[in-house]
Amino acid sequence: MVMAMPSTALRADAVYPRASAFDLRRSAIAGIAFGGGAHYCIGVALGRLEGRLAIEALLGRFSGMELAGAAFFASRPSFRKMTSLHVRPSPLTR
């Protein structure tokens, strides 16, 4: 059996340095999250704006965050979906 695994498309270290690392400062790379061509998502600008605003709000309110337990994932053969991630924020010191 052969399965297409689109979730791994951008995780090749030979193509993208440290491809599996989460890095907010990474330069823009081609992605598949919003589709492409005639099937490009009409809501891409809204999705990116909401994500940017959410991250800015978190970074503006807390000085940092640390994991407060293990991450939990749904058991799916074709897509790894995080179902829960608990974090402990550190308050800003002013």
PDB file of N, CA and C in Angstrom:
ATOM      1  N   MET A   1       0.839  -1.164   0.000  1.00  0.00           N
ATOM      2  CA  MET A   1       0.000   0.000   0.000  1.00  0.00           C
ATOM      3  C   MET A   1       0.894   1.241   0.000  1.00  0.00           C
ATOM      4  N   VAL A   2       0.549   2.208  -0.819  1.00  0.00           N
ATOM      5  CA  VAL A   2       1.255   3.481  -0.875  1.00  0.00           C
ATOM      6  C   VAL A   2       0.279   4.575  -0.479  1.00  0.00           C
ATOM      7  N   MET A   3       0.705   5.431   0.451  1.00  0.00           N
ATOM      8  CA  MET A   3      -0.153   6.532   0.892  1.00  0.00           C
ATOM      9  C   MET A   3       0.548   7.853   0.636  1.00  0.00           C
ATOM     10  N   ALA A   4      -0.187   8.811   0.126  1.00  0.00           N
ATOM     11  CA  ALA A   4       0.343  10.172  -0.014  1.00  0.00           C
ATOM     12  C   ALA A   4       0.302  10.834   1.357  1.00  0.00           C
ATOM     13  N   MET A   5       1.376  11.453   1.744  1.00  0.00           N
ATOM     14  CA  MET A   5       1.460  12.097   3.053  1.00  0.00           C
ATOM     15  C   MET A   5       1.748  13.585   2.865  1.00  0.00           C
ATOM     16  N   PRO A   6       0.730  14.375   2.513  1.00  0.00           N
ATOM     17  CA  PRO A   6       0.962  15.801   2.262  1.00  0.00           C
ATOM     18  C   PRO A   6       1.509  16.551   3.464  1.00  0.00           C
ATOM     19  N   SER A   7       1.269  16.053   4.659  1.00  0.00           N
ATOM     20  CA  SER A   7       1.753  16.752   5.853  1.00  0.00           C
ATOM     21  C   SER A   7       3.274  16.719   5.973  1.00  0.00           C
ATOM     22  N   THR A   8       3.940  15.860   5.217  1.00  0.00           N
ATOM     23  CA  THR A   8       5.401  15.786   5.263  1.00  0.00           C
ATOM     24  C   THR A   8       6.054  16.522   4.102  1.00  0.00           C
ATOM     25  N   ALA A   9       5.284  17.176   3.270  1.00  0.00           N
ATOM     26  CA  ALA A   9       5.809  17.798   2.051  1.00  0.00           C
ATOM     27  C   ALA A   9       6.877  18.849   2.313  1.00  0.00           C
ATOM     28  N   LEU A  10       6.800  19.554   3.405  1.00  0.00           N
ATOM     29  CA  LEU A  10       7.757  20.630   3.677  1.00  0.00           C
ATOM     30  C   LEU A  10       8.736  20.282   4.796  1.00  0.00           C
ATOM     31  N   ARG A  11       8.941  18.986   5.047  1.00  0.00           N
ATOM     32  CA  ARG A  11       9.804  18.581   6.151  1.00  0.00           C
ATOM     33  C   ARG A  11      11.082  17.893   5.683  1.00  0.00           C
ATOM     34  N   ALA A  12      11.556  18.241   4.494  1.00  0.00           N
ATOM     35  CA  ALA A  12      12.788  17.661   3.961  1.00  0.00           C
ATOM     36  C   ALA A  12      13.960  18.584   4.277  1.00  0.00           C
ATOM     37  N   ASP A  13      14.855  18.135   5.163  1.00  0.00           N
ATOM     38  CA  ASP A  13      16.008  18.962   5.538  1.00  0.00           C
ATOM     39  C   ASP A  13      16.912  19.268   4.350  1.00  0.00           C
ATOM     40  N   ALA A  14      16.903  18.420   3.331  1.00  0.00           N
ATOM     41  CA  ALA A  14      17.721  18.674   2.141  1.00  0.00           C
ATOM     42  C   ALA A  14      17.205  19.882   1.364  1.00  0.00           C
ATOM     43  N   VAL A  15      15.918  20.173   1.491  1.00  0.00           N
ATOM     44  CA  VAL A  15      15.304  21.299   0.781  1.00  0.00           C
ATOM     45  C   VAL A  15      15.197  22.522   1.682  1.00  0.00           C
ATOM     46  N   TYR A  16      14.789  22.316   2.924  1.00  0.00           N
ATOM     47  CA  TYR A  16      14.593  23.404   3.885  1.00  0.00           C
ATOM     48  C   TYR A  16      15.448  23.140   5.124  1.00  0.00           C
ATOM     49  N   PRO A  17      16.446  23.978   5.416  1.00  0.00           N
ATOM     50  CA  PRO A  17      17.281  23.771   6.602  1.00  0.00           C
ATOM     51  C   PRO A  17      16.426  23.709   7.872  1.00  0.00           C
ATOM     52  N   ARG A  18      16.700  22.739   8.725  1.00  0.00           N
ATOM     53  CA  ARG A  18      15.961  22.537   9.985  1.00  0.00           C
ATOM     54  C   ARG A  18      14.454  22.524   9.727  1.00  0.00           C
ATOM     55  N   ALA A  19      14.036  21.764   8.751  1.00  0.00           N
ATOM     56  CA  ALA A  19      12.643  21.756   8.297  1.00  0.00           C
ATOM     57  C   ALA A  19      11.651  21.373   9.390  1.00  0.00           C
ATOM     58  N   SER A  20      12.044  20.532  10.321  1.00  0.00           N
ATOM     59  CA  SER A  20      11.115  20.083  11.362  1.00  0.00           C
ATOM     60  C   SER A  20      11.048  21.016  12.565  1.00  0.00           C
ATOM     61  N   ALA A  21      11.900  22.028  12.605  1.00  0.00           N
ATOM     62  CA  ALA A  21      11.917  22.957  13.739  1.00  0.00           C
ATOM     63  C   ALA A  21      10.877  24.055  13.547  1.00  0.00           C
ATOM     64  N   PHE A  22      10.196  24.408  14.638  1.00  0.00           N
ATOM     65  CA  PHE A  22       9.243  25.514  14.608  1.00  0.00           C
ATOM     66  C   PHE A  22      10.026  26.804  14.813  1.00  0.00           C
ATOM     67  N   ASP A  23      10.013  27.691  13.821  1.00  0.00           N
ATOM     68  CA  ASP A  23      10.796  28.926  13.882  1.00  0.00           C
ATOM     69  C   ASP A  23       9.966  30.078  13.332  1.00  0.00           C
ATOM     70  N   LEU A  24       9.535  30.974  14.209  1.00  0.00           N
ATOM     71  CA  LEU A  24       8.710  32.104  13.785  1.00  0.00           C
ATOM     72  C   LEU A  24       9.466  33.071  12.889  1.00  0.00           C
ATOM     73  N   ARG A  25      10.805  33.066  12.960  1.00  0.00           N
ATOM     74  CA  ARG A  25      11.601  33.996  12.158  1.00  0.00           C
ATOM     75  C   ARG A  25      12.029  33.410  10.811  1.00  0.00           C
ATOM     76  N   ARG A  26      11.607  32.204  10.499  1.00  0.00           N
ATOM     77  CA  ARG A  26      11.994  31.575   9.237  1.00  0.00           C
ATOM     78  C   ARG A  26      11.474  32.402   8.070  1.00  0.00           C
ATOM     79  N   SER A  27      12.295  32.531   7.045  1.00  0.00           N
ATOM     80  CA  SER A  27      11.852  33.276   5.863  1.00  0.00           C
ATOM     81  C   SER A  27      10.728  32.507   5.175  1.00  0.00           C
ATOM     82  N   ALA A  28       9.934  33.222   4.427  1.00  0.00           N
ATOM     83  CA  ALA A  28       8.780  32.614   3.757  1.00  0.00           C
ATOM     84  C   ALA A  28       9.235  31.510   2.812  1.00  0.00           C
ATOM     85  N   ILE A  29       8.539  30.387   2.876  1.00  0.00           N
ATOM     86  CA  ILE A  29       8.803  29.278   1.970  1.00  0.00           C
ATOM     87  C   ILE A  29       7.495  28.884   1.310  1.00  0.00           C
ATOM     88  N   ALA A  30       7.613  28.195   0.214  1.00  0.00           N
ATOM     89  CA  ALA A  30       6.403  27.718  -0.453  1.00  0.00           C
ATOM     90  C   ALA A  30       5.671  26.778   0.494  1.00  0.00           C
ATOM     91  N   GLY A  31       4.385  26.902   0.578  1.00  0.00           N
ATOM     92  CA  GLY A  31       3.620  26.065   1.481  1.00  0.00           C
ATOM     93  C   GLY A  31       2.424  25.443   0.797  1.00  0.00           C
ATOM     94  N   ILE A  32       1.827  24.470   1.469  1.00  0.00           N
ATOM     95  CA  ILE A  32       0.641  23.823   0.916  1.00  0.00           C
ATOM     96  C   ILE A  32      -0.584  24.036   1.797  1.00  0.00           C
ATOM     97  N   ALA A  33      -0.407  24.758   2.910  1.00  0.00           N
ATOM     98  CA  ALA A  33      -1.506  24.919   3.863  1.00  0.00           C
ATOM     99  C   ALA A  33      -2.734  25.581   3.254  1.00  0.00           C
ATOM    100  N   PHE A  34      -2.536  26.484   2.318  1.00  0.00           N
ATOM    101  CA  PHE A  34      -3.662  27.200   1.727  1.00  0.00           C
ATOM    102  C   PHE A  34      -3.913  26.799   0.278  1.00  0.00           C
ATOM    103  N   GLY A  35      -3.380  25.664  -0.132  1.00  0.00           N
ATOM    104  CA  GLY A  35      -3.609  25.184  -1.497  1.00  0.00           C
ATOM    105  C   GLY A  35      -2.765  25.944  -2.501  1.00  0.00           C
ATOM    106  N   GLY A  36      -3.199  25.915  -3.746  1.00  0.00           N
ATOM    107  CA  GLY A  36      -2.448  26.608  -4.782  1.00  0.00           C
ATOM    108  C   GLY A  36      -3.216  26.676  -6.079  1.00  0.00           C
ATOM    109  N   GLY A  37      -2.786  27.575  -6.941  1.00  0.00           N
ATOM    110  CA  GLY A  37      -3.405  27.710  -8.259  1.00  0.00           C
ATOM    111  C   GLY A  37      -4.879  28.048  -8.161  1.00  0.00           C
ATOM    112  N   ALA A  38      -5.689  27.363  -8.965  1.00  0.00           N
ATOM    113  CA  ALA A  38      -7.135  27.595  -8.979  1.00  0.00           C
ATOM    114  C   ALA A  38      -7.786  27.211  -7.656  1.00  0.00           C
ATOM    115  N   HIS A  39      -7.087  26.420  -6.849  1.00  0.00           N
ATOM    116  CA  HIS A  39      -7.645  25.951  -5.581  1.00  0.00           C
ATOM    117  C   HIS A  39      -7.061  26.699  -4.382  1.00  0.00           C
ATOM    118  N   TYR A  40      -6.459  27.873  -4.626  1.00  0.00           N
ATOM    119  CA  TYR A  40      -5.882  28.672  -3.552  1.00  0.00           C
ATOM    120  C   TYR A  40      -6.997  29.193  -2.650  1.00  0.00           C
ATOM    121  N   CYS A  41      -6.793  29.127  -1.357  1.00  0.00           N
ATOM    122  CA  CYS A  41      -7.812  29.491  -0.373  1.00  0.00           C
ATOM    123  C   CYS A  41      -8.183  30.971  -0.459  1.00  0.00           C
ATOM    124  N   ILE A  42      -9.462  31.243  -0.550  1.00  0.00           N
ATOM    125  CA  ILE A  42      -9.945  32.622  -0.628  1.00  0.00           C
ATOM    126  C   ILE A  42      -9.763  33.352   0.713  1.00  0.00           C
ATOM    127  N   GLY A  43      -9.639  32.601   1.803  1.00  0.00           N
ATOM    128  CA  GLY A  43      -9.500  33.210   3.122  1.00  0.00           C
ATOM    129  C   GLY A  43      -8.075  33.288   3.634  1.00  0.00           C
ATOM    130  N   VAL A  44      -7.088  33.131   2.751  1.00  0.00           N
ATOM    131  CA  VAL A  44      -5.694  33.109   3.184  1.00  0.00           C
ATOM    132  C   VAL A  44      -5.290  34.384   3.920  1.00  0.00           C
ATOM    133  N   ALA A  45      -5.673  35.533   3.447  1.00  0.00           N
ATOM    134  CA  ALA A  45      -5.284  36.790   4.098  1.00  0.00           C
ATOM    135  C   ALA A  45      -5.881  36.880   5.499  1.00  0.00           C
ATOM    136  N   LEU A  46      -7.134  36.486   5.651  1.00  0.00           N
ATOM    137  CA  LEU A  46      -7.775  36.515   6.962  1.00  0.00           C
ATOM    138  C   LEU A  46      -7.108  35.525   7.915  1.00  0.00           C
ATOM    139  N   GLY A  47      -6.819  34.329   7.440  1.00  0.00           N
ATOM    140  CA  GLY A  47      -6.158  33.326   8.275  1.00  0.00           C
ATOM    141  C   GLY A  47      -4.796  33.787   8.764  1.00  0.00           C
ATOM    142  N   ARG A  48      -4.013  34.372   7.871  1.00  0.00           N
ATOM    143  CA  ARG A  48      -2.689  34.868   8.255  1.00  0.00           C
ATOM    144  C   ARG A  48      -2.797  36.046   9.220  1.00  0.00           C
ATOM    145  N   LEU A  49      -3.754  36.935   8.987  1.00  0.00           N
ATOM    146  CA  LEU A  49      -3.953  38.075   9.882  1.00  0.00           C
ATOM    147  C   LEU A  49      -4.340  37.601  11.280  1.00  0.00           C
ATOM    148  N   GLU A  50      -5.284  36.662  11.361  1.00  0.00           N
ATOM    149  CA  GLU A  50      -5.710  36.151  12.666  1.00  0.00           C
ATOM    150  C   GLU A  50      -4.550  35.488  13.407  1.00  0.00           C
ATOM    151  N   GLY A  51      -3.753  34.707  12.694  1.00  0.00           N
ATOM    152  CA  GLY A  51      -2.602  34.061  13.318  1.00  0.00           C
ATOM    153  C   GLY A  51      -1.591  35.068  13.826  1.00  0.00           C
ATOM    154  N   ARG A  52      -1.278  36.069  13.006  1.00  0.00           N
ATOM    155  CA  ARG A  52      -0.314  37.101  13.403  1.00  0.00           C
ATOM    156  C   ARG A  52      -0.815  37.875  14.621  1.00  0.00           C
ATOM    157  N   LEU A  53      -2.106  38.254  14.618  1.00  0.00           N
ATOM    158  CA  LEU A  53      -2.664  39.009  15.745  1.00  0.00           C
ATOM    159  C   LEU A  53      -2.671  38.186  17.028  1.00  0.00           C
ATOM    160  N   ALA A  54      -2.972  36.903  16.924  1.00  0.00           N
ATOM    161  CA  ALA A  54      -2.984  36.038  18.103  1.00  0.00           C
ATOM    162  C   ALA A  54      -1.585  35.910  18.703  1.00  0.00           C
ATOM    163  N   ILE A  55      -0.587  35.711  17.858  1.00  0.00           N
ATOM    164  CA  ILE A  55       0.787  35.584  18.349  1.00  0.00           C
ATOM    165  C   ILE A  55       1.265  36.903  18.942  1.00  0.00           C
ATOM    166  N   GLU A  56       0.965  38.022  18.283  1.00  0.00           N
ATOM    167  CA  GLU A  56       1.353  39.332  18.821  1.00  0.00           C
ATOM    168  C   GLU A  56       0.701  39.588  20.177  1.00  0.00           C
ATOM    169  N   ALA A  57      -0.565  39.199  20.334  1.00  0.00           N
ATOM    170  CA  ALA A  57      -1.258  39.395  21.609  1.00  0.00           C
ATOM    171  C   ALA A  57      -0.608  38.563  22.714  1.00  0.00           C
ATOM    172  N   LEU A  58      -0.257  37.320  22.408  1.00  0.00           N
ATOM    173  CA  LEU A  58       0.405  36.476  23.405  1.00  0.00           C
ATOM    174  C   LEU A  58       1.774  37.027  23.781  1.00  0.00           C
ATOM    175  N   LEU A  59       2.553  37.419  22.781  1.00  0.00           N
ATOM    176  CA  LEU A  59       3.891  37.931  23.052  1.00  0.00           C
ATOM    177  C   LEU A  59       3.851  39.270  23.784  1.00  0.00           C
ATOM    178  N   GLY A  60       2.800  40.051  23.585  1.00  0.00           N
ATOM    179  CA  GLY A  60       2.666  41.329  24.262  1.00  0.00           C
ATOM    180  C   GLY A  60       2.174  41.214  25.690  1.00  0.00           C
ATOM    181  N   ARG A  61       1.574  40.085  26.026  1.00  0.00           N
ATOM    182  CA  ARG A  61       0.996  39.928  27.353  1.00  0.00           C
ATOM    183  C   ARG A  61       1.875  39.122  28.309  1.00  0.00           C
ATOM    184  N   PHE A  62       2.692  38.237  27.752  1.00  0.00           N
ATOM    185  CA  PHE A  62       3.526  37.367  28.581  1.00  0.00           C
ATOM    186  C   PHE A  62       4.988  37.503  28.183  1.00  0.00           C
ATOM    187  N   SER A  63       5.882  37.296  29.158  1.00  0.00           N
ATOM    188  CA  SER A  63       7.315  37.375  28.858  1.00  0.00           C
ATOM    189  C   SER A  63       7.843  36.081  28.265  1.00  0.00           C
ATOM    190  N   GLY A  64       7.124  35.007  28.439  1.00  0.00           N
ATOM    191  CA  GLY A  64       7.543  33.716  27.895  1.00  0.00           C
ATOM    192  C   GLY A  64       6.534  32.646  28.238  1.00  0.00           C
ATOM    193  N   MET A  65       6.772  31.457  27.726  1.00  0.00           N
ATOM    194  CA  MET A  65       5.903  30.315  28.005  1.00  0.00           C
ATOM    195  C   MET A  65       6.749  29.063  28.081  1.00  0.00           C
ATOM    196  N   GLU A  66       6.296  28.117  28.873  1.00  0.00           N
ATOM    197  CA  GLU A  66       6.971  26.826  28.950  1.00  0.00           C
ATOM    198  C   GLU A  66       5.923  25.726  28.912  1.00  0.00           C
ATOM    199  N   LEU A  67       6.338  24.561  28.467  1.00  0.00           N
ATOM    200  CA  LEU A  67       5.416  23.435  28.415  1.00  0.00           C
ATOM    201  C   LEU A  67       4.992  23.060  29.823  1.00  0.00           C
ATOM    202  N   ALA A  68       3.723  22.744  29.995  1.00  0.00           N
ATOM    203  CA  ALA A  68       3.188  22.351  31.292  1.00  0.00           C
ATOM    204  C   ALA A  68       2.646  20.931  31.221  1.00  0.00           C
ATOM    205  N   GLY A  69       3.320  20.083  30.499  1.00  0.00           N
ATOM    206  CA  GLY A  69       2.885  18.700  30.326  1.00  0.00           C
ATOM    207  C   GLY A  69       3.139  18.251  28.902  1.00  0.00           C
ATOM    208  N   ALA A  70       2.753  17.044  28.635  1.00  0.00           N
ATOM    209  CA  ALA A  70       2.972  16.461  27.309  1.00  0.00           C
ATOM    210  C   ALA A  70       1.926  16.944  26.313  1.00  0.00           C
ATOM    211  N   ALA A  71       2.306  16.955  25.061  1.00  0.00           N
ATOM    212  CA  ALA A  71       1.356  17.250  23.984  1.00  0.00           C
ATOM    213  C   ALA A  71       0.600  15.965  23.662  1.00  0.00           C
ATOM    214  N   PHE A  72      -0.647  16.094  23.267  1.00  0.00           N
ATOM    215  CA  PHE A  72      -1.456  14.936  22.902  1.00  0.00           C
ATOM    216  C   PHE A  72      -1.837  15.033  21.436  1.00  0.00           C
ATOM    217  N   PHE A  73      -1.787  13.893  20.759  1.00  0.00           N
ATOM    218  CA  PHE A  73      -2.054  13.843  19.329  1.00  0.00           C
ATOM    219  C   PHE A  73      -3.160  12.845  19.027  1.00  0.00           C
ATOM    220  N   ALA A  74      -3.957  13.151  17.996  1.00  0.00           N
ATOM    221  CA  ALA A  74      -4.981  12.224  17.519  1.00  0.00           C
ATOM    222  C   ALA A  74      -4.282  11.107  16.756  1.00  0.00           C
ATOM    223  N   SER A  75      -4.829   9.932  16.830  1.00  0.00           N
ATOM    224  CA  SER A  75      -4.257   8.789  16.131  1.00  0.00           C
ATOM    225  C   SER A  75      -4.862   8.686  14.741  1.00  0.00           C
ATOM    226  N   ARG A  76      -4.149   9.239  13.772  1.00  0.00           N
ATOM    227  CA  ARG A  76      -4.595   9.192  12.378  1.00  0.00           C
ATOM    228  C   ARG A  76      -3.412   8.765  11.524  1.00  0.00           C
ATOM    229  N   PRO A  77      -3.610   7.853  10.593  1.00  0.00           N
ATOM    230  CA  PRO A  77      -2.473   7.376   9.797  1.00  0.00           C
ATOM    231  C   PRO A  77      -1.934   8.389   8.793  1.00  0.00           C
ATOM    232  N   SER A  78      -2.741   9.324   8.337  1.00  0.00           N
ATOM    233  CA  SER A  78      -2.290  10.213   7.269  1.00  0.00           C
ATOM    234  C   SER A  78      -2.002  11.642   7.716  1.00  0.00           C
ATOM    235  N   PHE A  79      -2.334  11.996   8.952  1.00  0.00           N
ATOM    236  CA  PHE A  79      -2.122  13.371   9.396  1.00  0.00           C
ATOM    237  C   PHE A  79      -1.942  13.386  10.905  1.00  0.00           C
ATOM    238  N   ARG A  80      -0.889  14.007  11.362  1.00  0.00           N
ATOM    239  CA  ARG A  80      -0.639  14.103  12.798  1.00  0.00           C
ATOM    240  C   ARG A  80      -1.299  15.369  13.314  1.00  0.00           C
ATOM    241  N   LYS A  81      -2.350  15.218  14.099  1.00  0.00           N
ATOM    242  CA  LYS A  81      -3.130  16.350  14.588  1.00  0.00           C
ATOM    243  C   LYS A  81      -2.958  16.486  16.097  1.00  0.00           C
ATOM    244  N   MET A  82      -2.429  17.641  16.519  1.00  0.00           N
ATOM    245  CA  MET A  82      -2.300  17.888  17.948  1.00  0.00           C
ATOM    246  C   MET A  82      -3.679  18.226  18.501  1.00  0.00           C
ATOM    247  N   THR A  83      -4.070  17.537  19.561  1.00  0.00           N
ATOM    248  CA  THR A  83      -5.380  17.781  20.159  1.00  0.00           C
ATOM    249  C   THR A  83      -5.291  18.609  21.434  1.00  0.00           C
ATOM    250  N   SER A  84      -4.103  18.618  22.060  1.00  0.00           N
ATOM    251  CA  SER A  84      -3.967  19.360  23.307  1.00  0.00           C
ATOM    252  C   SER A  84      -2.496  19.685  23.563  1.00  0.00           C
ATOM    253  N   LEU A  85      -2.240  20.923  23.957  1.00  0.00           N
ATOM    254  CA  LEU A  85      -0.892  21.352  24.333  1.00  0.00           C
ATOM    255  C   LEU A  85      -1.044  22.362  25.469  1.00  0.00           C
ATOM    256  N   HIS A  86      -0.626  21.968  26.643  1.00  0.00           N
ATOM    257  CA  HIS A  86      -0.747  22.838  27.809  1.00  0.00           C
ATOM    258  C   HIS A  86       0.549  23.619  28.006  1.00  0.00           C
ATOM    259  N   VAL A  87       0.426  24.927  28.167  1.00  0.00           N
ATOM    260  CA  VAL A  87       1.585  25.786  28.411  1.00  0.00           C
ATOM    261  C   VAL A  87       1.347  26.622  29.662  1.00  0.00           C
ATOM    262  N   ARG A  88       2.446  27.023  30.282  1.00  0.00           N
ATOM    263  CA  ARG A  88       2.386  27.878  31.471  1.00  0.00           C
ATOM    264  C   ARG A  88       3.034  29.211  31.101  1.00  0.00           C
ATOM    265  N   PRO A  89       2.239  30.288  31.033  1.00  0.00           N
ATOM    266  CA  PRO A  89       2.812  31.592  30.666  1.00  0.00           C
ATOM    267  C   PRO A  89       3.527  32.245  31.847  1.00  0.00           C
ATOM    268  N   SER A  90       4.547  33.025  31.532  1.00  0.00           N
ATOM    269  CA  SER A  90       5.259  33.825  32.536  1.00  0.00           C
ATOM    270  C   SER A  90       4.781  35.265  32.405  1.00  0.00           C
ATOM    271  N   PRO A  91       4.345  35.887  33.502  1.00  0.00           N
ATOM    272  CA  PRO A  91       3.842  37.265  33.401  1.00  0.00           C
ATOM    273  C   PRO A  91       4.948  38.248  33.055  1.00  0.00           C
ATOM    274  N   LEU A  92       4.561  39.343  32.448  1.00  0.00           N
ATOM    275  CA  LEU A  92       5.499  40.424  32.153  1.00  0.00           C
ATOM    276  C   LEU A  92       5.921  41.090  33.448  1.00  0.00           C
ATOM    277  N   THR A  93       7.169  41.470  33.529  1.00  0.00           N
ATOM    278  CA  THR A  93       7.635  42.241  34.685  1.00  0.00           C
ATOM    279  C   THR A  93       7.853  43.669  34.220  1.00  0.00           C
ATOM    280  N   ARG A  94       7.207  44.593  34.879  1.00  0.00           N
ATOM    281  CA  ARG A  94       7.284  46.007  34.462  1.00  0.00           C
ATOM    282  C   ARG A  94       7.886  46.848  35.527  1.00  0.00           C
TER     283      ARG A  94
END
